Amino acid sequence: MGVHAIDRLCYDIAHDPETLERMRADPRRELVHRPLTAAERDELLRGDVAALYRRGAHPVLLVRLATFRVLGLDPALYAARIRTAEPRFSVPAPPEPA
C-alpha cells in the first residue's frame, strides 16, 4: 500500500487545498494519518525523492512535492535529488538511419 499512499499524497497536495495546508503546517501530523511505513514517512519528511522513486513512486506525482514547495523541496532541489536515482526503465535509442 505504501507506493499508492505516496502517490496519493502527492496527488492530494496538488488537488486538495486542505491537504496542502496541513502538509505545510505540520507534515508529521499529516503523514501519521496515511498508510505509510515508518521508512516511507522518514523519506518523505527528509524530502528524499530519490528513495521514494526507487520504491516505485511515480516521478510525475513526486514532482508536485517541489511544485507546491512542501517538505523543504523546491524545483531545483527536487531536480538535484531525483537525478541521483537510478532509472527504473530505459527507452532504447532510435535506430540509425539507413
C-alpha atoms as a PDB file:
ATOM      1  CA  MET A   1       0.000   0.000   0.000  1.00  0.00           C
ATOM      2  CA  GLY A   2       2.954   2.334   0.553  1.00  0.00           C
ATOM      3  CA  VAL A   3       3.653   3.330  -3.043  1.00  0.00           C
ATOM      4  CA  HIS A   4      -0.016   4.018  -3.659  1.00  0.00           C
ATOM      5  CA  ALA A   5      -0.141   6.079  -0.453  1.00  0.00           C
ATOM      6  CA  ILE A   6       2.893   8.123  -1.549  1.00  0.00           C
ATOM      7  CA  ASP A   7       1.381   8.741  -4.982  1.00  0.00           C
ATOM      8  CA  ARG A   8      -1.967   9.619  -3.397  1.00  0.00           C
ATOM      9  CA  LEU A   9      -0.335  12.120  -1.047  1.00  0.00           C
ATOM     10  CA  CYS A  10       1.339  13.844  -4.000  1.00  0.00           C
ATOM     11  CA  TYR A  11      -1.976  13.940  -5.854  1.00  0.00           C
ATOM     12  CA  ASP A  12      -3.800  15.296  -2.806  1.00  0.00           C
ATOM     13  CA  ILE A  13      -1.213  18.049  -2.315  1.00  0.00           C
ATOM     14  CA  ALA A  14      -1.982  19.294  -5.829  1.00  0.00           C
ATOM     15  CA  HIS A  15      -5.756  18.859  -5.737  1.00  0.00           C
ATOM     16  CA  ASP A  16      -6.855  19.328  -2.133  1.00  0.00           C
ATOM     17  CA  PRO A  17      -6.050  22.737  -0.598  1.00  0.00           C
ATOM     18  CA  GLU A  18      -6.644  21.380   2.910  1.00  0.00           C
ATOM     19  CA  THR A  19      -4.038  18.655   2.451  1.00  0.00           C
ATOM     20  CA  LEU A  20      -1.576  21.228   1.135  1.00  0.00           C
ATOM     21  CA  GLU A  21      -2.237  23.477   4.119  1.00  0.00           C
ATOM     22  CA  ARG A  22      -1.780  20.589   6.587  1.00  0.00           C
ATOM     23  CA  MET A  23       1.455  19.488   4.887  1.00  0.00           C
ATOM     24  CA  ARG A  24       2.852  22.993   5.125  1.00  0.00           C
ATOM     25  CA  ALA A  25       1.737  23.461   8.733  1.00  0.00           C
ATOM     26  CA  ASP A  26       2.667  20.075  10.244  1.00  0.00           C
ATOM     27  CA  PRO A  27       3.779  17.369   7.823  1.00  0.00           C
ATOM     28  CA  ARG A  28       4.468  14.826  10.592  1.00  0.00           C
ATOM     29  CA  ARG A  29       0.916  15.078  11.800  1.00  0.00           C
ATOM     30  CA  GLU A  30      -0.490  14.713   8.273  1.00  0.00           C
ATOM     31  CA  LEU A  31       1.692  11.724   7.427  1.00  0.00           C
ATOM     32  CA  VAL A  32       0.806   9.783  10.562  1.00  0.00           C
ATOM     33  CA  HIS A  33      -2.769   9.522   9.264  1.00  0.00           C
ATOM     34  CA  ARG A  34      -1.700   7.932   5.968  1.00  0.00           C
ATOM     35  CA  PRO A  35      -0.997   4.225   5.369  1.00  0.00           C
ATOM     36  CA  LEU A  36       2.787   4.605   5.144  1.00  0.00           C
ATOM     37  CA  THR A  37       5.612   2.639   6.707  1.00  0.00           C
ATOM     38  CA  ALA A  38       7.956   4.359   9.122  1.00  0.00           C
ATOM     39  CA  ALA A  39      10.674   4.304   6.443  1.00  0.00           C
ATOM     40  CA  GLU A  40       8.356   5.920   3.883  1.00  0.00           C
ATOM     41  CA  ARG A  41       7.372   8.643   6.353  1.00  0.00           C
ATOM     42  CA  ASP A  42      11.026   9.296   7.108  1.00  0.00           C
ATOM     43  CA  GLU A  43      11.913   9.548   3.408  1.00  0.00           C
ATOM     44  CA  LEU A  44       9.038  11.962   2.853  1.00  0.00           C
ATOM     45  CA  LEU A  45       9.986  14.109   5.820  1.00  0.00           C
ATOM     46  CA  ARG A  46      13.589  14.254   4.553  1.00  0.00           C
ATOM     47  CA  GLY A  47      12.395  15.113   1.045  1.00  0.00           C
ATOM     48  CA  ASP A  48      14.283  12.063  -0.231  1.00  0.00           C
ATOM     49  CA  VAL A  49      12.581  11.870  -3.620  1.00  0.00           C
ATOM     50  CA  ALA A  50      15.249   9.522  -4.997  1.00  0.00           C
ATOM     51  CA  ALA A  51      14.428   6.917  -2.327  1.00  0.00           C
ATOM     52  CA  LEU A  52      10.695   7.382  -2.930  1.00  0.00           C
ATOM     53  CA  TYR A  53      11.245   6.952  -6.671  1.00  0.00           C
ATOM     54  CA  ARG A  54      13.265   3.769  -6.063  1.00  0.00           C
ATOM     55  CA  ARG A  55      10.315   2.455  -4.045  1.00  0.00           C
ATOM     56  CA  GLY A  56       8.143   2.907  -7.125  1.00  0.00           C
ATOM     57  CA  ALA A  57       6.543   6.314  -6.576  1.00  0.00           C
ATOM     58  CA  HIS A  58       5.630   7.990  -9.848  1.00  0.00           C
ATOM     59  CA  PRO A  59       8.009  10.853 -10.773  1.00  0.00           C
ATOM     60  CA  VAL A  60       5.219  12.973 -12.304  1.00  0.00           C
ATOM     61  CA  LEU A  61       3.419  12.828  -8.973  1.00  0.00           C
ATOM     62  CA  LEU A  62       6.581  13.223  -6.881  1.00  0.00           C
ATOM     63  CA  VAL A  63       7.471  16.485  -8.605  1.00  0.00           C
ATOM     64  CA  ARG A  64       4.352  18.011  -7.064  1.00  0.00           C
ATOM     65  CA  LEU A  65       6.138  17.989  -3.705  1.00  0.00           C
ATOM     66  CA  ALA A  66       8.543  20.515  -5.193  1.00  0.00           C
ATOM     67  CA  THR A  67       5.974  22.399  -7.253  1.00  0.00           C
ATOM     68  CA  PHE A  68       3.939  23.083  -4.127  1.00  0.00           C
ATOM     69  CA  ARG A  69       7.079  23.545  -2.002  1.00  0.00           C
ATOM     70  CA  VAL A  70       6.408  21.082   0.777  1.00  0.00           C
ATOM     71  CA  LEU A  71       8.821  19.001   2.836  1.00  0.00           C
ATOM     72  CA  GLY A  72      11.601  21.509   2.228  1.00  0.00           C
ATOM     73  CA  LEU A  73      11.607  20.889  -1.518  1.00  0.00           C
ATOM     74  CA  ASP A  74      11.671  23.331  -4.386  1.00  0.00           C
ATOM     75  CA  PRO A  75      12.096  22.585  -8.103  1.00  0.00           C
ATOM     76  CA  ALA A  76      15.892  22.966  -8.109  1.00  0.00           C
ATOM     77  CA  LEU A  77      16.399  20.748  -5.058  1.00  0.00           C
ATOM     78  CA  TYR A  78      13.966  18.167  -6.432  1.00  0.00           C
ATOM     79  CA  ALA A  79      15.881  18.067  -9.733  1.00  0.00           C
ATOM     80  CA  ALA A  80      19.210  17.603  -7.977  1.00  0.00           C
ATOM     81  CA  ARG A  81      17.908  14.812  -5.771  1.00  0.00           C
ATOM     82  CA  ILE A  82      15.919  12.898  -8.395  1.00  0.00           C
ATOM     83  CA  ARG A  83      18.991  12.821 -10.672  1.00  0.00           C
ATOM     84  CA  THR A  84      20.735  10.642  -8.081  1.00  0.00           C
ATOM     85  CA  ALA A  85      18.188   7.844  -8.561  1.00  0.00           C
ATOM     86  CA  GLU A  86      18.901   5.059 -10.998  1.00  0.00           C
ATOM     87  CA  PRO A  87      16.300   4.947 -13.775  1.00  0.00           C
ATOM     88  CA  ARG A  88      13.705   2.203 -13.318  1.00  0.00           C
ATOM     89  CA  PHE A  89      13.347   1.779 -17.069  1.00  0.00           C
ATOM     90  CA  SER A  90      15.077   2.905 -20.196  1.00  0.00           C
ATOM     91  CA  VAL A  91      13.974   3.841 -23.653  1.00  0.00           C
ATOM     92  CA  PRO A  92      16.010   2.270 -26.434  1.00  0.00           C
ATOM     93  CA  ALA A  93      17.861   4.585 -28.745  1.00  0.00           C
ATOM     94  CA  PRO A  94      16.194   5.112 -32.113  1.00  0.00           C
ATOM     95  CA  PRO A  95      17.619   3.025 -34.954  1.00  0.00           C
ATOM     96  CA  GLU A  96      20.373   4.543 -37.022  1.00  0.00           C
ATOM     97  CA  PRO A  97      19.172   5.916 -40.365  1.00  0.00           C
ATOM     98  CA  ALA A  98      19.905   3.601 -43.275  1.00  0.00           C
END
